[in-house]
């Protein structure tokens, strides 16, 4: 998008945009509509740490911010639940 003075501003990476709206205890929803967990907190600059008490195996799992499609009342992912869980 052109900025004042004719410069072109680089778009923000999706991860930094997505991270700004992610809050603790938000539900994380896969692309197929399946709930895959609840946000524990952001871990570093590029991952969501899921709460272990919402995990089927009682362990913390991580979701890359690059997989976030959008954030509203929930965190919506671009990946379906089987693909998300396969990364654990």
PDB file of N, CA and C in Angstrom:
ATOM      1  N   UNK A   1       0.842  -1.171   0.000  1.00  0.00           N
ATOM      2  CA  UNK A   1       0.000   0.000   0.000  1.00  0.00           C
ATOM      3  C   UNK A   1       0.888   1.234   0.000  1.00  0.00           C
ATOM      4  N   UNK A   2       0.663   2.186  -0.890  1.00  0.00           N
ATOM      5  CA  UNK A   2       1.510   3.372  -0.936  1.00  0.00           C
ATOM      6  C   UNK A   2       1.371   4.205   0.329  1.00  0.00           C
ATOM      7  N   UNK A   3       2.471   4.675   0.807  1.00  0.00           N
ATOM      8  CA  UNK A   3       2.478   5.558   1.972  1.00  0.00           C
ATOM      9  C   UNK A   3       2.690   6.976   1.484  1.00  0.00           C
ATOM     10  N   UNK A   4       2.601   7.928   2.378  1.00  0.00           N
ATOM     11  CA  UNK A   4       2.816   9.317   2.018  1.00  0.00           C
ATOM     12  C   UNK A   4       4.226   9.469   1.479  1.00  0.00           C
ATOM     13  N   UNK A   5       4.385  10.212   0.392  1.00  0.00           N
ATOM     14  CA  UNK A   5       5.700  10.396  -0.203  1.00  0.00           C
ATOM     15  C   UNK A   5       6.010   9.344  -1.240  1.00  0.00           C
ATOM     16  N   UNK A   6       5.051   8.456  -1.568  1.00  0.00           N
ATOM     17  CA  UNK A   6       5.248   7.470  -2.612  1.00  0.00           C
ATOM     18  C   UNK A   6       5.940   6.200  -2.166  1.00  0.00           C
ATOM     19  N   UNK A   7       6.339   6.106  -0.914  1.00  0.00           N
ATOM     20  CA  UNK A   7       6.970   4.868  -0.429  1.00  0.00           C
ATOM     21  C   UNK A   7       5.947   3.754  -0.384  1.00  0.00           C
ATOM     22  N   UNK A   8       6.422   2.545  -0.522  1.00  0.00           N
ATOM     23  CA  UNK A   8       5.559   1.379  -0.386  1.00  0.00           C
ATOM     24  C   UNK A   8       5.898   0.719   0.936  1.00  0.00           C
ATOM     25  N   UNK A   9       4.878   0.592   1.788  1.00  0.00           N
ATOM     26  CA  UNK A   9       5.096  -0.044   3.089  1.00  0.00           C
ATOM     27  C   UNK A   9       4.949  -1.543   2.950  1.00  0.00           C
ATOM     28  N   UNK A  10       5.869  -2.255   3.545  1.00  0.00           N
ATOM     29  CA  UNK A  10       5.789  -3.722   3.534  1.00  0.00           C
ATOM     30  C   UNK A  10       4.648  -4.151   4.440  1.00  0.00           C
ATOM     31  N   UNK A  11       3.843  -5.134   4.001  1.00  0.00           N
ATOM     32  CA  UNK A  11       2.770  -5.611   4.875  1.00  0.00           C
ATOM     33  C   UNK A  11       3.353  -6.279   6.106  1.00  0.00           C
ATOM     34  N   UNK A  12       2.614  -6.173   7.203  1.00  0.00           N
ATOM     35  CA  UNK A  12       3.047  -6.851   8.424  1.00  0.00           C
ATOM     36  C   UNK A  12       2.919  -8.344   8.246  1.00  0.00           C
ATOM     37  N   UNK A  13       3.852  -9.111   8.789  1.00  0.00           N
ATOM     38  CA  UNK A  13       3.696 -10.559   8.728  1.00  0.00           C
ATOM     39  C   UNK A  13       2.447 -10.973   9.487  1.00  0.00           C
ATOM     40  N   UNK A  14       1.750 -12.019   9.010  1.00  0.00           N
ATOM     41  CA  UNK A  14       0.529 -12.445   9.680  1.00  0.00           C
ATOM     42  C   UNK A  14       0.722 -12.735  11.161  1.00  0.00           C
ATOM     43  N   UNK A  15       1.879 -13.269  11.539  1.00  0.00           N
ATOM     44  CA  UNK A  15       2.075 -13.650  12.930  1.00  0.00           C
ATOM     45  C   UNK A  15       2.002 -12.459  13.881  1.00  0.00           C
ATOM     46  N   UNK A  16       2.581 -11.319  13.507  1.00  0.00           N
ATOM     47  CA  UNK A  16       2.538 -10.178  14.417  1.00  0.00           C
ATOM     48  C   UNK A  16       1.135  -9.592  14.485  1.00  0.00           C
ATOM     49  N   UNK A  17       0.410  -9.613  13.384  1.00  0.00           N
ATOM     50  CA  UNK A  17      -0.964  -9.130  13.374  1.00  0.00           C
ATOM     51  C   UNK A  17      -1.841 -10.051  14.209  1.00  0.00           C
ATOM     52  N   UNK A  18      -1.702 -11.348  14.005  1.00  0.00           N
ATOM     53  CA  UNK A  18      -2.508 -12.322  14.737  1.00  0.00           C
ATOM     54  C   UNK A  18      -2.227 -12.260  16.234  1.00  0.00           C
ATOM     55  N   UNK A  19      -0.968 -12.136  16.580  1.00  0.00           N
ATOM     56  CA  UNK A  19      -0.582 -12.168  17.987  1.00  0.00           C
ATOM     57  C   UNK A  19      -1.209 -11.038  18.785  1.00  0.00           C
ATOM     58  N   UNK A  20      -1.441  -9.910  18.165  1.00  0.00           N
ATOM     59  CA  UNK A  20      -1.948  -8.759  18.903  1.00  0.00           C
ATOM     60  C   UNK A  20      -3.345  -8.989  19.479  1.00  0.00           C
ATOM     61  N   UNK A  21      -4.138  -9.887  18.888  1.00  0.00           N
ATOM     62  CA  UNK A  21      -5.484 -10.124  19.390  1.00  0.00           C
ATOM     63  C   UNK A  21      -5.651 -11.384  20.201  1.00  0.00           C
ATOM     64  N   UNK A  22      -4.584 -12.140  20.384  1.00  0.00           N
ATOM     65  CA  UNK A  22      -4.669 -13.422  21.084  1.00  0.00           C
ATOM     66  C   UNK A  22      -4.513 -13.214  22.588  1.00  0.00           C
ATOM     67  N   UNK A  23      -5.487 -13.736  23.324  1.00  0.00           N
ATOM     68  CA  UNK A  23      -5.484 -13.601  24.777  1.00  0.00           C
ATOM     69  C   UNK A  23      -5.514 -14.968  25.447  1.00  0.00           C
ATOM     70  N   UNK A  24      -5.009 -15.018  26.677  1.00  0.00           N
ATOM     71  CA  UNK A  24      -5.068 -16.262  27.445  1.00  0.00           C
ATOM     72  C   UNK A  24      -6.512 -16.734  27.567  1.00  0.00           C
ATOM     73  N   UNK A  25      -6.695 -18.034  27.532  1.00  0.00           N
ATOM     74  CA  UNK A  25      -7.975 -18.727  27.695  1.00  0.00           C
ATOM     75  C   UNK A  25      -8.906 -18.625  26.476  1.00  0.00           C
ATOM     76  N   UNK A  26      -8.406 -18.096  25.357  1.00  0.00           N
ATOM     77  CA  UNK A  26      -9.219 -18.121  24.131  1.00  0.00           C
ATOM     78  C   UNK A  26      -9.216 -19.536  23.582  1.00  0.00           C
ATOM     79  N   UNK A  27     -10.347 -19.954  23.031  1.00  0.00           N
ATOM     80  CA  UNK A  27     -10.406 -21.259  22.383  1.00  0.00           C
ATOM     81  C   UNK A  27      -9.700 -21.183  21.039  1.00  0.00           C
ATOM     82  N   UNK A  28      -9.024 -22.270  20.688  1.00  0.00           N
ATOM     83  CA  UNK A  28      -8.336 -22.376  19.404  1.00  0.00           C
ATOM     84  C   UNK A  28      -9.132 -23.359  18.555  1.00  0.00           C
ATOM     85  N   UNK A  29      -9.583 -22.892  17.395  1.00  0.00           N
ATOM     86  CA  UNK A  29     -10.468 -23.658  16.520  1.00  0.00           C
ATOM     87  C   UNK A  29      -9.751 -23.955  15.211  1.00  0.00           C
ATOM     88  N   UNK A  30      -9.701 -25.231  14.839  1.00  0.00           N
ATOM     89  CA  UNK A  30      -9.076 -25.641  13.583  1.00  0.00           C
ATOM     90  C   UNK A  30      -9.965 -25.248  12.405  1.00  0.00           C
ATOM     91  N   UNK A  31      -9.408 -25.318  11.193  1.00  0.00           N
ATOM     92  CA  UNK A  31     -10.131 -24.922   9.982  1.00  0.00           C
ATOM     93  C   UNK A  31     -11.388 -25.748   9.750  1.00  0.00           C
ATOM     94  N   UNK A  32     -11.417 -26.969  10.277  1.00  0.00           N
ATOM     95  CA  UNK A  32     -12.587 -27.825  10.097  1.00  0.00           C
ATOM     96  C   UNK A  32     -13.643 -27.621  11.191  1.00  0.00           C
ATOM     97  N   UNK A  33     -13.430 -26.619  12.064  1.00  0.00           N
ATOM     98  CA  UNK A  33     -14.395 -26.308  13.113  1.00  0.00           C
ATOM     99  C   UNK A  33     -14.169 -27.039  14.415  1.00  0.00           C
ATOM    100  N   UNK A  34     -13.160 -27.888  14.478  1.00  0.00           N
ATOM    101  CA  UNK A  34     -12.861 -28.660  15.679  1.00  0.00           C
ATOM    102  C   UNK A  34     -12.053 -27.822  16.665  1.00  0.00           C
ATOM    103  N   UNK A  35     -12.451 -27.847  17.914  1.00  0.00           N
ATOM    104  CA  UNK A  35     -11.691 -27.165  18.961  1.00  0.00           C
ATOM    105  C   UNK A  35     -10.444 -28.001  19.264  1.00  0.00           C
ATOM    106  N   UNK A  36      -9.274 -27.375  19.183  1.00  0.00           N
ATOM    107  CA  UNK A  36      -8.031 -28.115  19.424  1.00  0.00           C
ATOM    108  C   UNK A  36      -7.359 -27.738  20.736  1.00  0.00           C
ATOM    109  N   UNK A  37      -7.886 -26.746  21.425  1.00  0.00           N
ATOM    110  CA  UNK A  37      -7.311 -26.386  22.716  1.00  0.00           C
ATOM    111  C   UNK A  37      -7.680 -24.978  23.127  1.00  0.00           C
ATOM    112  N   UNK A  38      -7.025 -24.545  24.190  1.00  0.00           N
ATOM    113  CA  UNK A  38      -7.220 -23.214  24.756  1.00  0.00           C
ATOM    114  C   UNK A  38      -5.853 -22.568  24.913  1.00  0.00           C
ATOM    115  N   UNK A  39      -5.774 -21.289  24.612  1.00  0.00           N
ATOM    116  CA  UNK A  39      -4.502 -20.565  24.728  1.00  0.00           C
ATOM    117  C   UNK A  39      -4.060 -20.524  26.190  1.00  0.00           C
ATOM    118  N   UNK A  40      -2.842 -20.971  26.444  1.00  0.00           N
ATOM    119  CA  UNK A  40      -2.212 -20.780  27.748  1.00  0.00           C
ATOM    120  C   UNK A  40      -1.529 -19.415  27.713  1.00  0.00           C
ATOM    121  N   UNK A  41      -0.649 -19.225  26.720  1.00  0.00           N
ATOM    122  CA  UNK A  41      -0.014 -17.926  26.490  1.00  0.00           C
ATOM    123  C   UNK A  41       0.755 -17.975  25.176  1.00  0.00           C
ATOM    124  N   UNK A  42       1.223 -16.823  24.736  1.00  0.00           N
ATOM    125  CA  UNK A  42       2.106 -16.774  23.568  1.00  0.00           C
ATOM    126  C   UNK A  42       3.497 -17.145  24.039  1.00  0.00           C
ATOM    127  N   UNK A  43       4.148 -17.987  23.264  1.00  0.00           N
ATOM    128  CA  UNK A  43       5.485 -18.457  23.619  1.00  0.00           C
ATOM    129  C   UNK A  43       6.460 -17.903  22.591  1.00  0.00           C
ATOM    130  N   UNK A  44       7.240 -16.949  23.002  1.00  0.00           N
ATOM    131  CA  UNK A  44       8.145 -16.299  22.067  1.00  0.00           C
ATOM    132  C   UNK A  44       7.364 -15.431  21.098  1.00  0.00           C
ATOM    133  N   UNK A  45       7.916 -15.260  19.902  1.00  0.00           N
ATOM    134  CA  UNK A  45       7.292 -14.387  18.918  1.00  0.00           C
ATOM    135  C   UNK A  45       6.492 -15.150  17.873  1.00  0.00           C
ATOM    136  N   UNK A  46       6.539 -16.496  17.947  1.00  0.00           N
ATOM    137  CA  UNK A  46       5.947 -17.222  16.823  1.00  0.00           C
ATOM    138  C   UNK A  46       5.123 -18.454  17.183  1.00  0.00           C
ATOM    139  N   UNK A  47       4.786 -18.628  18.458  1.00  0.00           N
ATOM    140  CA  UNK A  47       4.021 -19.816  18.831  1.00  0.00           C
ATOM    141  C   UNK A  47       2.965 -19.503  19.890  1.00  0.00           C
ATOM    142  N   UNK A  48       1.885 -20.277  19.810  1.00  0.00           N
ATOM    143  CA  UNK A  48       0.858 -20.261  20.848  1.00  0.00           C
ATOM    144  C   UNK A  48       1.057 -21.527  21.670  1.00  0.00           C
ATOM    145  N   UNK A  49       1.176 -21.364  22.973  1.00  0.00           N
ATOM    146  CA  UNK A  49       1.253 -22.518  23.861  1.00  0.00           C
ATOM    147  C   UNK A  49      -0.158 -22.817  24.322  1.00  0.00           C
ATOM    148  N   UNK A  50      -0.600 -24.054  24.107  1.00  0.00           N
ATOM    149  CA  UNK A  50      -1.945 -24.452  24.515  1.00  0.00           C
ATOM    150  C   UNK A  50      -1.922 -24.975  25.951  1.00  0.00           C
ATOM    151  N   UNK A  51      -3.000 -24.736  26.655  1.00  0.00           N
ATOM    152  CA  UNK A  51      -3.112 -25.174  28.049  1.00  0.00           C
ATOM    153  C   UNK A  51      -3.154 -26.699  28.118  1.00  0.00           C
ATOM    154  N   UNK A  52      -2.395 -27.261  29.040  1.00  0.00           N
ATOM    155  CA  UNK A  52      -2.351 -28.723  29.138  1.00  0.00           C
ATOM    156  C   UNK A  52      -3.643 -29.313  29.682  1.00  0.00           C
ATOM    157  N   UNK A  53      -4.410 -28.533  30.446  1.00  0.00           N
ATOM    158  CA  UNK A  53      -5.662 -29.075  30.988  1.00  0.00           C
ATOM    159  C   UNK A  53      -6.758 -29.203  29.924  1.00  0.00           C
ATOM    160  N   UNK A  54      -6.517 -28.675  28.710  1.00  0.00           N
ATOM    161  CA  UNK A  54      -7.484 -28.844  27.616  1.00  0.00           C
ATOM    162  C   UNK A  54      -6.964 -29.817  26.563  1.00  0.00           C
ATOM    163  N   UNK A  55      -5.837 -30.427  26.844  1.00  0.00           N
ATOM    164  CA  UNK A  55      -5.220 -31.365  25.911  1.00  0.00           C
ATOM    165  C   UNK A  55      -5.655 -32.792  26.238  1.00  0.00           C
ATOM    166  N   UNK A  56      -5.895 -33.615  25.212  1.00  0.00           N
ATOM    167  CA  UNK A  56      -6.311 -34.994  25.475  1.00  0.00           C
ATOM    168  C   UNK A  56      -5.259 -35.818  26.226  1.00  0.00           C
ATOM    169  N   UNK A  57      -3.979 -35.445  26.080  1.00  0.00           N
ATOM    170  CA  UNK A  57      -2.929 -36.200  26.774  1.00  0.00           C
ATOM    171  C   UNK A  57      -2.378 -35.471  28.005  1.00  0.00           C
ATOM    172  N   UNK A  58      -2.995 -34.336  28.361  1.00  0.00           N
ATOM    173  CA  UNK A  58      -2.577 -33.613  29.561  1.00  0.00           C
ATOM    174  C   UNK A  58      -1.233 -32.917  29.443  1.00  0.00           C
ATOM    175  N   UNK A  59      -0.770 -32.685  28.205  1.00  0.00           N
ATOM    176  CA  UNK A  59       0.521 -32.029  28.001  1.00  0.00           C
ATOM    177  C   UNK A  59       0.313 -30.719  27.243  1.00  0.00           C
ATOM    178  N   UNK A  60       1.276 -29.807  27.402  1.00  0.00           N
ATOM    179  CA  UNK A  60       1.258 -28.571  26.622  1.00  0.00           C
ATOM    180  C   UNK A  60       1.587 -28.914  25.168  1.00  0.00           C
ATOM    181  N   UNK A  61       0.940 -28.226  24.247  1.00  0.00           N
ATOM    182  CA  UNK A  61       1.253 -28.357  22.829  1.00  0.00           C
ATOM    183  C   UNK A  61       1.376 -26.956  22.260  1.00  0.00           C
ATOM    184  N   UNK A  62       2.002 -26.848  21.097  1.00  0.00           N
ATOM    185  CA  UNK A  62       2.283 -25.556  20.491  1.00  0.00           C
ATOM    186  C   UNK A  62       1.691 -25.483  19.091  1.00  0.00           C
ATOM    187  N   UNK A  63       1.228 -24.287  18.738  1.00  0.00           N
ATOM    188  CA  UNK A  63       0.684 -24.022  17.410  1.00  0.00           C
ATOM    189  C   UNK A  63       1.440 -22.812  16.861  1.00  0.00           C
ATOM    190  N   UNK A  64       2.016 -22.922  15.670  1.00  0.00           N
ATOM    191  CA  UNK A  64       2.713 -21.763  15.092  1.00  0.00           C
ATOM    192  C   UNK A  64       1.742 -20.615  14.787  1.00  0.00           C
ATOM    193  N   UNK A  65       2.153 -19.397  15.054  1.00  0.00           N
ATOM    194  CA  UNK A  65       1.319 -18.246  14.714  1.00  0.00           C
ATOM    195  C   UNK A  65       1.068 -18.165  13.216  1.00  0.00           C
ATOM    196  N   UNK A  66       1.951 -18.731  12.422  1.00  0.00           N
ATOM    197  CA  UNK A  66       1.772 -18.731  10.967  1.00  0.00           C
ATOM    198  C   UNK A  66       0.506 -19.477  10.562  1.00  0.00           C
ATOM    199  N   UNK A  67      -0.015 -20.337  11.429  1.00  0.00           N
ATOM    200  CA  UNK A  67      -1.230 -21.097  11.135  1.00  0.00           C
ATOM    201  C   UNK A  67      -2.501 -20.341  11.501  1.00  0.00           C
ATOM    202  N   UNK A  68      -2.381 -19.170  12.087  1.00  0.00           N
ATOM    203  CA  UNK A  68      -3.565 -18.402  12.489  1.00  0.00           C
ATOM    204  C   UNK A  68      -4.162 -17.721  11.261  1.00  0.00           C
ATOM    205  N   UNK A  69      -5.449 -18.000  11.022  1.00  0.00           N
ATOM    206  CA  UNK A  69      -6.167 -17.362   9.928  1.00  0.00           C
ATOM    207  C   UNK A  69      -6.700 -16.006  10.380  1.00  0.00           C
ATOM    208  N   UNK A  70      -7.426 -16.017  11.499  1.00  0.00           N
ATOM    209  CA  UNK A  70      -7.936 -14.773  12.065  1.00  0.00           C
ATOM    210  C   UNK A  70      -8.289 -14.983  13.536  1.00  0.00           C
ATOM    211  N   UNK A  71      -8.477 -13.861  14.209  1.00  0.00           N
ATOM    212  CA  UNK A  71      -8.811 -13.877  15.634  1.00  0.00           C
ATOM    213  C   UNK A  71     -10.049 -13.024  15.830  1.00  0.00           C
ATOM    214  N   UNK A  72     -11.058 -13.609  16.476  1.00  0.00           N
ATOM    215  CA  UNK A  72     -12.229 -12.850  16.910  1.00  0.00           C
ATOM    216  C   UNK A  72     -12.424 -13.225  18.376  1.00  0.00           C
ATOM    217  N   UNK A  73     -13.514 -13.830  18.742  1.00  0.00           N
ATOM    218  CA  UNK A  73     -13.665 -14.328  20.107  1.00  0.00           C
ATOM    219  C   UNK A  73     -12.841 -15.594  20.311  1.00  0.00           C
ATOM    220  N   UNK A  74     -12.382 -16.188  19.205  1.00  0.00           N
ATOM    221  CA  UNK A  74     -11.574 -17.404  19.209  1.00  0.00           C
ATOM    222  C   UNK A  74     -10.377 -17.198  18.291  1.00  0.00           C
ATOM    223  N   UNK A  75      -9.420 -18.103  18.405  1.00  0.00           N
ATOM    224  CA  UNK A  75      -8.292 -18.126  17.480  1.00  0.00           C
ATOM    225  C   UNK A  75      -8.628 -19.166  16.420  1.00  0.00           C
ATOM    226  N   UNK A  76      -8.724 -18.755  15.167  1.00  0.00           N
ATOM    227  CA  UNK A  76      -9.090 -19.645  14.066  1.00  0.00           C
ATOM    228  C   UNK A  76      -7.844 -19.979  13.248  1.00  0.00           C
ATOM    229  N   UNK A  77      -7.641 -21.264  13.024  1.00  0.00           N
ATOM    230  CA  UNK A  77      -6.454 -21.733  12.310  1.00  0.00           C
ATOM    231  C   UNK A  77      -6.742 -22.021  10.843  1.00  0.00           C
ATOM    232  N   UNK A  78      -5.676 -22.079  10.051  1.00  0.00           N
ATOM    233  CA  UNK A  78      -5.773 -22.428   8.633  1.00  0.00           C
ATOM    234  C   UNK A  78      -5.652 -23.928   8.415  1.00  0.00           C
ATOM    235  N   UNK A  79      -5.301 -24.665   9.443  1.00  0.00           N
ATOM    236  CA  UNK A  79      -5.094 -26.114   9.354  1.00  0.00           C
ATOM    237  C   UNK A  79      -6.252 -26.860  10.014  1.00  0.00           C
ATOM    238  N   UNK A  80      -6.588 -28.021   9.466  1.00  0.00           N
ATOM    239  CA  UNK A  80      -7.614 -28.884  10.055  1.00  0.00           C
ATOM    240  C   UNK A  80      -7.046 -29.575  11.296  1.00  0.00           C
ATOM    241  N   UNK A  81      -7.929 -30.014  12.180  1.00  0.00           N
ATOM    242  CA  UNK A  81      -7.519 -30.623  13.447  1.00  0.00           C
ATOM    243  C   UNK A  81      -6.542 -31.790  13.288  1.00  0.00           C
ATOM    244  N   UNK A  82      -6.761 -32.728  12.337  1.00  0.00           N
ATOM    245  CA  UNK A  82      -5.800 -33.825  12.216  1.00  0.00           C
ATOM    246  C   UNK A  82      -4.380 -33.347  11.897  1.00  0.00           C
ATOM    247  N   UNK A  83      -4.262 -32.311  11.076  1.00  0.00           N
ATOM    248  CA  UNK A  83      -2.939 -31.792  10.737  1.00  0.00           C
ATOM    249  C   UNK A  83      -2.319 -31.074  11.931  1.00  0.00           C
ATOM    250  N   UNK A  84      -3.127 -30.349  12.692  1.00  0.00           N
ATOM    251  CA  UNK A  84      -2.630 -29.675  13.892  1.00  0.00           C
ATOM    252  C   UNK A  84      -2.105 -30.715  14.881  1.00  0.00           C
ATOM    253  N   UNK A  85      -2.925 -31.729  15.161  1.00  0.00           N
ATOM    254  CA  UNK A  85      -2.535 -32.754  16.142  1.00  0.00           C
ATOM    255  C   UNK A  85      -1.341 -33.580  15.674  1.00  0.00           C
ATOM    256  N   UNK A  86      -1.216 -33.770  14.360  1.00  0.00           N
ATOM    257  CA  UNK A  86      -0.076 -34.533  13.831  1.00  0.00           C
ATOM    258  C   UNK A  86       1.258 -33.826  14.118  1.00  0.00           C
ATOM    259  N   UNK A  87       1.201 -32.519  14.298  1.00  0.00           N
ATOM    260  CA  UNK A  87       2.441 -31.766  14.574  1.00  0.00           C
ATOM    261  C   UNK A  87       2.872 -31.866  16.038  1.00  0.00           C
ATOM    262  N   UNK A  88       2.002 -32.421  16.884  1.00  0.00           N
ATOM    263  CA  UNK A  88       2.311 -32.550  18.297  1.00  0.00           C
ATOM    264  C   UNK A  88       3.168 -33.754  18.523  1.00  0.00           C
TER     265      UNK A  88
END
